Protein backbone atom coordinates (compact mmCIF):
# COMPACT_ATOMS: atom_id res chain seq x y z
CA UNK A 1 21.24 44.83 8.41
CA UNK A 2 21.30 45.70 4.55
CA UNK A 3 21.51 42.60 2.29
CA UNK A 4 24.09 43.59 0.13
CA UNK A 5 26.22 45.35 2.75
CA UNK A 6 26.66 41.86 4.59
CA UNK A 7 27.20 40.10 1.37
CA UNK A 8 30.29 42.29 0.60
CA UNK A 9 31.77 42.08 3.63
CA UNK A 10 31.67 37.98 3.35
CA UNK A 11 29.08 37.41 5.88
CA UNK A 12 25.66 35.32 4.96
CA UNK A 13 22.99 36.41 6.31
CA UNK A 14 19.53 34.11 8.19
CA UNK A 15 17.94 35.00 5.07
CA UNK A 16 20.62 33.81 2.42
CA UNK A 17 20.97 30.44 4.20
CA UNK A 18 17.03 30.52 4.16
CA UNK A 19 17.30 31.14 0.25
CA UNK A 20 19.77 28.51 -0.19
CA UNK A 21 18.00 25.77 1.55
CA UNK A 22 15.02 26.83 -0.42
CA UNK A 23 16.29 27.29 -3.86
CA UNK A 24 19.32 24.19 -3.74
CA UNK A 25 22.08 26.76 -4.40
CA UNK A 26 25.46 27.30 -2.83
CA UNK A 27 25.87 30.29 -0.44
CA UNK A 28 29.15 31.80 -1.45
CA UNK A 29 27.44 31.67 -4.98
CA UNK A 30 24.29 33.13 -3.71
CA UNK A 31 26.01 35.57 -1.33
CA UNK A 32 28.55 37.09 -4.29
CA UNK A 33 24.99 36.92 -6.59
CA UNK A 34 23.46 39.81 -4.03
CA UNK A 35 26.94 41.30 -3.78
CA UNK A 36 26.77 42.53 -7.51
CA UNK A 37 23.43 43.07 -7.45
CA UNK A 38 22.24 39.61 -9.72
CA UNK A 39 19.83 38.72 -6.82
CA UNK A 40 17.94 40.44 -4.03
CA UNK A 41 16.01 39.41 -1.16
CA UNK A 42 12.59 40.71 -0.57
CA UNK A 43 12.54 41.36 2.99
CA UNK A 44 12.09 44.75 4.62
CA UNK A 45 14.13 44.94 7.99
CA UNK A 46 11.20 47.73 9.61
CA UNK A 47 8.25 45.12 9.35
CA UNK A 48 7.98 42.50 12.56
CA UNK A 49 5.38 40.46 11.04
CA UNK A 50 7.11 36.85 9.86
CA UNK A 51 7.37 36.57 5.76
CA UNK A 52 8.21 33.93 3.84
CA UNK A 53 11.64 34.82 2.71
CA UNK A 54 11.44 35.16 -1.70
CA UNK A 55 14.99 35.98 -3.94
CA UNK A 56 15.21 36.80 -7.49
CA UNK A 57 17.37 36.59 -9.88
CA UNK A 58 20.25 34.67 -11.34
CA UNK A 59 20.11 31.34 -11.09
CA UNK A 60 16.89 30.94 -8.91
CA UNK A 61 13.58 29.76 -9.86
CA UNK A 62 11.38 31.68 -11.38
CA UNK A 63 9.00 33.94 -9.19
CA UNK A 64 5.33 35.49 -9.54
CA UNK A 65 3.41 38.34 -8.19
CA UNK A 66 0.00 39.12 -7.97
CA UNK A 67 -1.30 42.09 -7.96
CA UNK A 68 -4.28 42.96 -5.29
CA UNK A 69 -5.98 46.48 -4.36
CA UNK A 70 -8.93 49.01 -4.01
CA UNK A 71 -10.13 51.04 -6.45
CA UNK A 72 -12.43 54.31 -6.58
CA UNK A 73 -15.49 52.11 -7.78
CA UNK A 74 -14.89 49.11 -5.80
CA UNK A 75 -13.46 49.64 -1.99
CA UNK A 76 -13.82 46.55 -0.31
CA UNK A 77 -10.46 45.85 2.04
CA UNK A 78 -12.16 42.05 2.86
CA UNK A 79 -12.70 41.57 -0.76
CA UNK A 80 -9.05 41.89 -1.02
CA UNK A 81 -8.07 40.03 2.13
CA UNK A 82 -9.62 37.55 0.39
CA UNK A 83 -7.67 37.85 -2.89
CA UNK A 84 -4.57 37.80 -0.80
CA UNK A 85 -5.55 34.62 0.90
CA UNK A 86 -5.99 33.21 -2.67
CA UNK A 87 -3.07 34.33 -4.21
CA UNK A 88 -0.62 33.06 -1.20
CA UNK A 89 -2.89 29.44 -1.25
CA UNK A 90 -2.28 29.03 -5.62
CA UNK A 91 1.48 29.88 -4.84
CA UNK A 92 1.78 33.71 -5.44
CA UNK A 93 5.54 34.51 -3.89
CA UNK A 94 4.72 38.56 -3.56
CA UNK A 95 1.71 40.64 -3.58
CA UNK A 96 1.51 44.19 -4.70
CA UNK A 97 -0.81 46.77 -3.17
CA UNK A 98 -2.64 48.94 -5.80
CA UNK A 99 -5.32 49.95 -3.66
CA UNK A 100 -6.79 53.50 -4.91
CA UNK A 101 -9.92 53.49 -3.37
CA UNK A 102 -10.75 54.09 0.31
CA UNK A 103 -8.30 54.84 2.89
CA UNK A 104 -5.56 53.03 0.92
CA UNK A 105 -2.72 53.58 3.71
CA UNK A 106 -4.76 51.70 6.40
CA UNK A 107 -5.60 49.09 3.27
CA UNK A 108 -1.74 48.95 2.89
CA UNK A 109 -1.24 48.79 6.60
CA UNK A 110 -3.56 45.84 7.00
CA UNK A 111 -2.37 43.70 3.86
CA UNK A 112 1.14 43.81 4.87
CA UNK A 113 -0.27 43.09 8.43
CA UNK A 114 -1.95 39.76 7.09
CA UNK A 115 0.48 38.93 4.35
CA UNK A 116 3.03 35.81 4.62
CA UNK A 117 4.95 37.05 1.45
CA UNK A 118 6.07 39.86 0.78
CA UNK A 119 4.54 42.91 0.14
CA UNK A 120 5.13 45.74 -2.90
CA UNK A 121 3.29 48.69 -3.75
CA UNK A 122 3.47 52.09 -5.67
CA UNK A 123 3.73 55.20 -3.47
CA UNK A 124 2.91 57.10 -7.22
CA UNK A 125 -0.73 55.89 -6.55
CA UNK A 126 -0.74 57.32 -2.81
CA UNK A 127 0.34 60.77 -4.73
CA UNK A 128 -2.66 60.90 -7.74
CA UNK A 129 -4.85 59.65 -4.76
CA UNK A 130 -4.89 62.35 -2.52
CA UNK A 131 -4.56 64.95 -5.50
CA UNK A 132 -7.74 63.73 -7.10
CA UNK A 133 -9.48 63.47 -3.68
CA UNK A 134 -8.29 67.35 -2.29
CA UNK A 135 -9.72 68.52 -5.62
CA UNK A 136 -6.03 69.66 -6.49
CA UNK A 137 -4.66 70.29 -9.56
CA UNK A 138 -1.30 68.42 -10.92
CA UNK A 139 0.89 71.93 -10.66
CA UNK A 140 -0.14 71.66 -7.10
CA UNK A 141 1.91 68.92 -6.41
CA UNK A 142 5.11 68.89 -5.20
CA UNK A 143 8.53 67.05 -5.38
CA UNK A 144 8.01 66.79 -1.69
CA UNK A 145 4.51 65.47 -1.88
CA UNK A 146 6.62 62.17 -4.09
CA UNK A 147 9.46 61.84 -1.48
CA UNK A 148 6.80 61.44 1.19
CA UNK A 149 5.01 59.45 -0.31
CA UNK A 150 7.17 56.50 -0.48
CA UNK A 151 8.43 57.26 2.44
CA UNK A 152 5.15 56.34 3.99
CA UNK A 153 5.04 53.25 2.08
CA UNK A 154 8.92 52.34 3.14
CA UNK A 155 7.77 53.27 6.68
CA UNK A 156 4.84 51.22 6.73
CA UNK A 157 6.82 47.96 6.29
CA UNK A 158 7.00 47.50 2.61
CA UNK A 159 9.49 44.70 1.16
CA UNK A 160 9.56 46.43 -2.24
CA UNK A 161 8.10 50.02 -3.77
CA UNK A 162 7.57 50.40 -7.85
CA UNK A 163 9.24 54.25 -8.40
CA UNK A 164 8.95 55.04 -11.98
CA UNK A 165 12.56 57.38 -12.44
CA UNK A 166 13.49 56.35 -15.83
CA UNK A 167 10.65 58.30 -17.53
CA UNK A 168 12.86 62.06 -17.93
CA UNK A 169 11.54 64.86 -20.28
CA UNK A 170 14.06 63.16 -22.63
CA UNK A 171 12.45 60.25 -22.91
CA UNK A 172 9.14 62.40 -22.78
CA UNK A 173 9.94 64.03 -25.87
CA UNK A 174 10.87 60.70 -27.89
CA UNK A 175 7.30 59.29 -26.82
CA UNK A 176 5.45 62.60 -28.06
CA UNK A 177 7.45 62.54 -31.49
CA UNK A 178 6.86 58.59 -32.21
CA UNK A 179 3.75 56.80 -33.55
CA UNK A 180 2.65 54.80 -30.69
CA UNK A 181 -0.73 53.43 -30.73
CA UNK A 182 -0.87 53.35 -26.85
CA UNK A 183 0.99 56.29 -25.41
CA UNK A 184 2.20 55.47 -21.99
CA UNK A 185 -0.05 52.88 -20.47
CA UNK A 186 1.77 52.55 -17.30
CA UNK A 187 -0.50 54.45 -14.58
CA UNK A 188 2.35 55.85 -12.58
CA UNK A 189 4.39 56.51 -15.76
CA UNK A 190 1.69 58.49 -17.52
CA UNK A 191 1.19 60.57 -14.31
CA UNK A 192 4.31 61.65 -14.20
CA UNK A 193 4.39 62.38 -17.90
CA UNK A 194 1.86 64.70 -17.35
CA UNK A 195 4.03 66.56 -14.02
CA UNK A 196 6.64 66.72 -16.29
CA UNK A 197 4.49 68.24 -18.99
CA UNK A 198 2.28 70.84 -17.12
CA UNK A 199 5.11 72.17 -14.87
CA UNK A 200 8.08 72.07 -16.90
CA UNK A 201 10.32 70.26 -15.06
CA UNK A 202 11.86 67.15 -14.68
CA UNK A 203 10.54 63.87 -13.41
CA UNK A 204 11.10 64.55 -9.37
CA UNK A 205 11.71 60.60 -8.96
CA UNK A 206 14.78 61.23 -11.36
CA UNK A 207 16.07 63.95 -10.33
CA UNK A 208 15.85 63.07 -6.12
CA UNK A 209 16.83 58.94 -7.58
CA UNK A 210 19.78 60.17 -4.41
CA UNK A 211 17.01 60.83 -1.63
CA UNK A 212 15.08 57.69 -2.67
CA UNK A 213 17.69 55.15 -2.63
CA UNK A 214 18.30 57.01 1.16
CA UNK A 215 15.02 56.20 2.29
CA UNK A 216 15.47 52.42 0.66
CA UNK A 217 18.48 51.93 2.44
CA UNK A 218 16.64 52.44 5.50
CA UNK A 219 14.99 49.45 6.31
CA UNK A 220 16.78 47.45 3.16
CA UNK A 221 13.77 48.28 0.86
CA UNK A 222 14.00 46.68 -2.53
CA UNK A 223 13.94 49.48 -5.59
CA UNK A 224 11.56 47.98 -8.40
CA UNK A 225 12.54 50.59 -11.03
CA UNK A 226 9.36 50.94 -13.02
CA UNK A 227 9.21 50.43 -17.00
CA UNK A 228 6.59 53.90 -17.30
CA UNK A 229 7.20 53.26 -21.31
CA UNK A 230 5.92 50.00 -21.44
CA UNK A 231 4.27 49.10 -24.80
CA UNK A 232 0.61 48.64 -24.02
CA UNK A 233 0.74 47.12 -27.66
CA UNK A 234 2.21 44.76 -29.74
CA UNK A 235 2.64 48.04 -32.19
CA UNK A 236 4.81 49.90 -29.52
CA UNK A 237 7.18 47.08 -28.81
CA UNK A 238 10.89 47.39 -29.12
CA UNK A 239 10.64 51.15 -29.86
CA UNK A 240 13.38 53.81 -28.94
CA UNK A 241 11.70 55.19 -25.83
CA UNK A 242 11.24 52.13 -24.54
CA UNK A 243 14.88 51.30 -25.07
CA UNK A 244 15.87 54.66 -24.31
CA UNK A 245 14.45 54.66 -20.67
CA UNK A 246 15.89 51.14 -20.05
CA UNK A 247 19.04 52.52 -20.75
CA UNK A 248 18.67 54.95 -17.65
CA UNK A 249 17.54 52.55 -15.35
CA UNK A 250 21.08 50.63 -15.98
CA UNK A 251 22.13 53.83 -15.09
CA UNK A 252 20.37 54.04 -11.88
CA UNK A 253 20.72 50.59 -11.28
CA UNK A 254 24.52 51.21 -10.52
CA UNK A 255 23.72 54.22 -8.70
CA UNK A 256 21.48 52.39 -6.36
CA UNK A 257 23.93 49.53 -6.11
CA UNK A 258 27.07 52.13 -4.86
CA UNK A 259 24.64 52.98 -2.03
CA UNK A 260 24.14 49.06 -1.22
CA UNK A 261 20.50 49.22 -2.27
CA UNK A 262 19.03 46.40 -3.60
CA UNK A 263 17.26 46.77 -7.23
CA UNK A 264 15.13 45.26 -9.77
CA UNK A 265 14.27 45.86 -13.23
CA UNK A 266 10.40 46.04 -14.71
CA UNK A 267 10.14 45.01 -17.94
CA UNK A 268 8.04 45.29 -21.15
CA UNK A 269 4.16 44.39 -21.13
CA UNK A 270 2.91 43.76 -24.82
CA UNK A 271 6.00 42.15 -27.11
CA UNK A 272 5.87 40.12 -30.04
CA UNK A 273 6.82 36.45 -29.53
CA UNK A 274 9.15 37.16 -31.97
CA UNK A 275 11.30 39.97 -30.20
CA UNK A 276 10.44 38.34 -26.20
CA UNK A 277 14.18 37.13 -26.08
CA UNK A 278 15.73 39.87 -28.21
CA UNK A 279 14.17 42.03 -25.05
CA UNK A 280 15.03 40.01 -22.23
CA UNK A 281 18.78 39.86 -23.31
CA UNK A 282 18.99 43.25 -24.20
CA UNK A 283 17.61 44.06 -20.22
CA UNK A 284 20.14 41.51 -18.76
CA UNK A 285 23.34 43.50 -20.26
CA UNK A 286 22.04 47.31 -20.30
CA UNK A 287 21.49 46.55 -16.34
CA UNK A 288 24.24 44.54 -15.06
CA UNK A 289 22.40 41.26 -14.93
CA UNK A 290 20.15 43.15 -12.69
CA UNK A 291 16.75 40.63 -11.69
CA UNK A 292 14.46 41.40 -14.38
CA UNK A 293 10.67 41.94 -13.59
CA UNK A 294 7.88 41.14 -16.86
CA UNK A 295 4.26 42.12 -16.82
CA UNK A 296 3.76 38.99 -19.25
CA UNK A 297 4.45 40.02 -21.88
CA UNK A 298 1.14 39.74 -23.42
CA UNK A 299 2.08 38.57 -27.11
CA UNK A 300 -1.40 39.35 -28.68
CA UNK A 301 -3.48 42.34 -28.35
CA UNK A 302 -6.94 40.66 -29.27
CA UNK A 303 -7.61 38.34 -26.60
CA UNK A 304 -9.86 40.04 -23.38
CA UNK A 305 -11.20 37.85 -21.28
CA UNK A 306 -7.76 35.44 -21.88
CA UNK A 307 -5.26 37.61 -21.35
CA UNK A 308 -3.59 35.35 -18.76
CA UNK A 309 -3.32 33.08 -21.66
CA UNK A 310 -1.25 35.08 -23.48
CA UNK A 311 0.37 36.67 -20.64
CA UNK A 312 1.43 33.31 -19.39
CA UNK A 313 2.48 32.21 -23.48
CA UNK A 314 4.86 35.29 -23.20
CA UNK A 315 6.20 34.69 -19.90
CA UNK A 316 7.44 31.34 -20.10
CA UNK A 317 9.35 32.43 -23.31
CA UNK A 318 10.69 35.44 -21.11
CA UNK A 319 11.65 33.40 -18.23
CA UNK A 320 13.80 30.60 -20.26
CA UNK A 321 15.21 33.93 -21.97
CA UNK A 322 16.94 35.69 -18.83
CA UNK A 323 13.40 37.07 -16.69
CA UNK A 324 13.69 36.37 -13.12
CA UNK A 325 10.28 37.13 -12.04
CA UNK A 326 6.61 37.29 -13.55
CA UNK A 327 3.40 39.51 -12.62
CA UNK A 328 0.65 37.74 -12.81
CA UNK A 329 -2.25 38.86 -15.44
CA UNK A 330 -5.87 37.53 -14.98
CA UNK A 331 -8.74 37.24 -17.65
CA UNK A 332 -10.14 40.08 -15.99
CA UNK A 333 -6.88 42.53 -17.37
CA UNK A 334 -7.23 45.77 -19.66
CA UNK A 335 -11.43 44.87 -18.77
CA UNK A 336 -11.79 45.33 -14.89
CA UNK A 337 -10.63 44.85 -11.55
CA UNK A 338 -9.97 41.11 -10.52
CA UNK A 339 -12.67 38.65 -8.59
CA UNK A 340 -11.14 35.58 -6.45
CA UNK A 341 -11.82 33.54 -9.56
CA UNK A 342 -9.55 35.97 -11.80
CA UNK A 343 -7.24 36.25 -8.87
CA UNK A 344 -6.73 32.46 -9.05
CA UNK A 345 -6.17 31.57 -12.86
CA UNK A 346 -4.16 34.53 -12.94
CA UNK A 347 -1.99 33.01 -10.66
CA UNK A 348 -2.05 29.23 -12.05
CA UNK A 349 -1.41 30.43 -15.58
CA UNK A 350 1.49 32.10 -14.26
CA UNK A 351 2.64 30.01 -12.32
CA UNK A 352 2.53 27.29 -15.27
CA UNK A 353 4.83 29.63 -17.04
CA UNK A 354 7.15 30.41 -14.69
CA UNK A 355 7.66 26.08 -13.68
CA UNK A 356 7.69 25.39 -17.86
CA UNK A 357 10.58 28.08 -17.95
CA UNK A 358 12.59 26.56 -14.84
CA UNK A 359 12.29 22.88 -16.36
CA UNK A 360 13.89 24.41 -19.92
CA UNK A 361 16.47 26.26 -18.00
CA UNK A 362 17.40 23.89 -15.11
CA UNK A 363 16.28 20.80 -16.38
CA UNK A 364 15.62 17.72 -13.94
CA UNK A 365 16.07 19.96 -10.93
CA UNK A 366 12.47 21.11 -11.64
CA UNK A 367 11.19 18.56 -13.32
CA UNK A 368 11.29 16.23 -10.61
CA UNK A 369 7.62 16.64 -9.58
CA UNK A 370 6.45 16.07 -13.40
CA UNK A 371 8.21 13.23 -13.37
CA UNK A 372 6.67 11.81 -10.30
CA UNK A 373 2.97 13.16 -11.76
CA UNK A 374 3.96 11.36 -14.81
CA UNK A 375 3.87 7.83 -13.05
CA UNK A 376 1.10 8.53 -11.09
CA UNK A 377 -0.71 9.41 -14.31
CA UNK A 378 0.80 5.93 -16.24
CA UNK A 379 -0.66 3.75 -13.17
CA UNK A 380 -3.57 5.75 -13.11
CA UNK A 381 -3.31 6.85 -9.82
CA UNK A 382 -6.27 9.85 -9.38
CA UNK A 383 -5.68 10.56 -6.03
CA UNK A 384 -1.94 10.92 -6.47
CA UNK A 385 -2.14 13.29 -9.66
CA UNK A 386 -4.97 15.42 -8.08
CA UNK A 387 -3.45 15.25 -4.86
CA UNK A 388 -0.09 16.82 -6.63
CA UNK A 389 -1.49 18.95 -9.54
CA UNK A 390 -1.40 22.85 -9.43
CA UNK A 391 -4.71 22.79 -9.36
CA UNK A 392 -6.00 20.15 -6.74
CA UNK A 393 -9.98 21.33 -6.64
CA UNK A 394 -10.17 22.01 -9.91
CA UNK A 395 -9.01 18.75 -11.48
CA UNK A 396 -11.16 16.72 -8.40
CA UNK A 397 -13.75 18.10 -9.63
CA UNK A 398 -13.17 17.15 -13.40
CA UNK A 399 -13.01 13.70 -11.98
CA UNK A 400 -15.64 13.55 -10.40
CA UNK A 401 -17.94 14.67 -12.94
CA UNK A 402 -16.43 11.82 -15.47
CA UNK A 403 -18.87 8.86 -15.66
CA UNK A 404 -17.08 5.80 -15.93
CA UNK A 405 -17.28 2.37 -16.38
CA UNK A 406 -14.01 1.25 -14.98
CA UNK A 407 -12.31 3.19 -11.84
CA UNK A 408 -8.84 3.46 -13.67
CA UNK A 409 -9.97 4.62 -16.54
CA UNK A 410 -11.21 8.16 -17.80
CA UNK A 411 -14.13 8.75 -19.17
CA UNK A 412 -12.07 10.05 -22.92
CA UNK A 413 -10.55 6.63 -23.39
CA UNK A 414 -12.43 4.52 -21.21
CA UNK A 415 -10.93 0.05 -21.98
CA UNK A 416 -8.88 1.93 -24.96
CA UNK A 417 -6.48 3.94 -22.33
CA UNK A 418 -2.85 4.05 -23.55
CA UNK A 419 -1.54 3.73 -20.16
CA UNK A 420 -3.60 0.42 -19.27
CA UNK A 421 -2.99 -1.37 -22.53
CA UNK A 422 0.85 -0.90 -22.12
CA UNK A 423 0.50 -2.49 -19.37
CA UNK A 424 0.18 -5.78 -22.47
CA UNK A 425 3.65 -5.00 -23.61
CA UNK A 426 5.93 -2.83 -21.41
CA UNK A 427 6.23 -5.47 -18.90
CA UNK A 428 8.95 -6.01 -17.06
């Protein structure tokens, strides 16, 4: 079963029905969005492990992704599974396994098997890892090596894959002639640029895009068209290379839709606040209203250790301006592999951004929880506030640490609590 095929035939799949219940959207409206490529459902038909049904795109709540995975320096699968559980617990909608250390395929299979949310991957990382492990040169890597990695990931049951198909020789020449401060910051994108440069050939993922589409179609795996040229510094945002790649991704999206393959488009990383809205609207226009997936965007470059905050600021504005799907950024971004605390803080910060944007986009439909919470705050019902907050454990720890003389106030305002004083002049 393929979601676009079924939608274009006028059918409502079980997955579509599930999404309509979760999102409170009309079934016919959802079906038509899927048929046009404006909504995607992450659900590989290869994977028999039950997953939470997650859809991204037009008219739906903003979703968030958490990245996990081993590295050469930190290769502990059990630790990554703990990160998975943290991400699930605090509300990540999907997770991506970006493992580049240890037995990467076994890591992937285990994460896919244990995850209750959809799993995505970046197959080119396997190509990079295998080349390094075998002591090969980049000129030893063939087109088939890229395709084989993609097929392995799909056969293992991933729900979506990032493929950097828009990094072409033409775009590389634009980058080389540019005055970018950070060049190419995408790991996959930089690897492909090096491959093209040293092999003097066009990007195999671009040349063999139709083969990739055929592989994805087999199990209805979503193609996440990666932004290999995303800006890694504010200086580099909204430049010719970024937008040229975006145009190519829009063309490839249409080719994939012709074969009933679901697509999302990946977007920029570091973008000044005043350029975010323009970037989101340009993507929607260029890529035919395809679901848009952004990393942040980070709105300043100078906050190492706090980049979950810079990303949440940009993410809220991006989602309000049209982005459908936010990749979390943790406090460890640019510094190290995230630990459990980093994962939690990244998820929570991104949830805040997504929720704030949904309130702005959809109004009271997504504000009901806030209204009920505010009623508890007015009543000084601390237990209810703690229970219904995004991070109950942290809220409880703060409340427990307070030294209050009266249980119905906090240690900041005490007897002068505005909510308590309200009782005297707002009696009804």
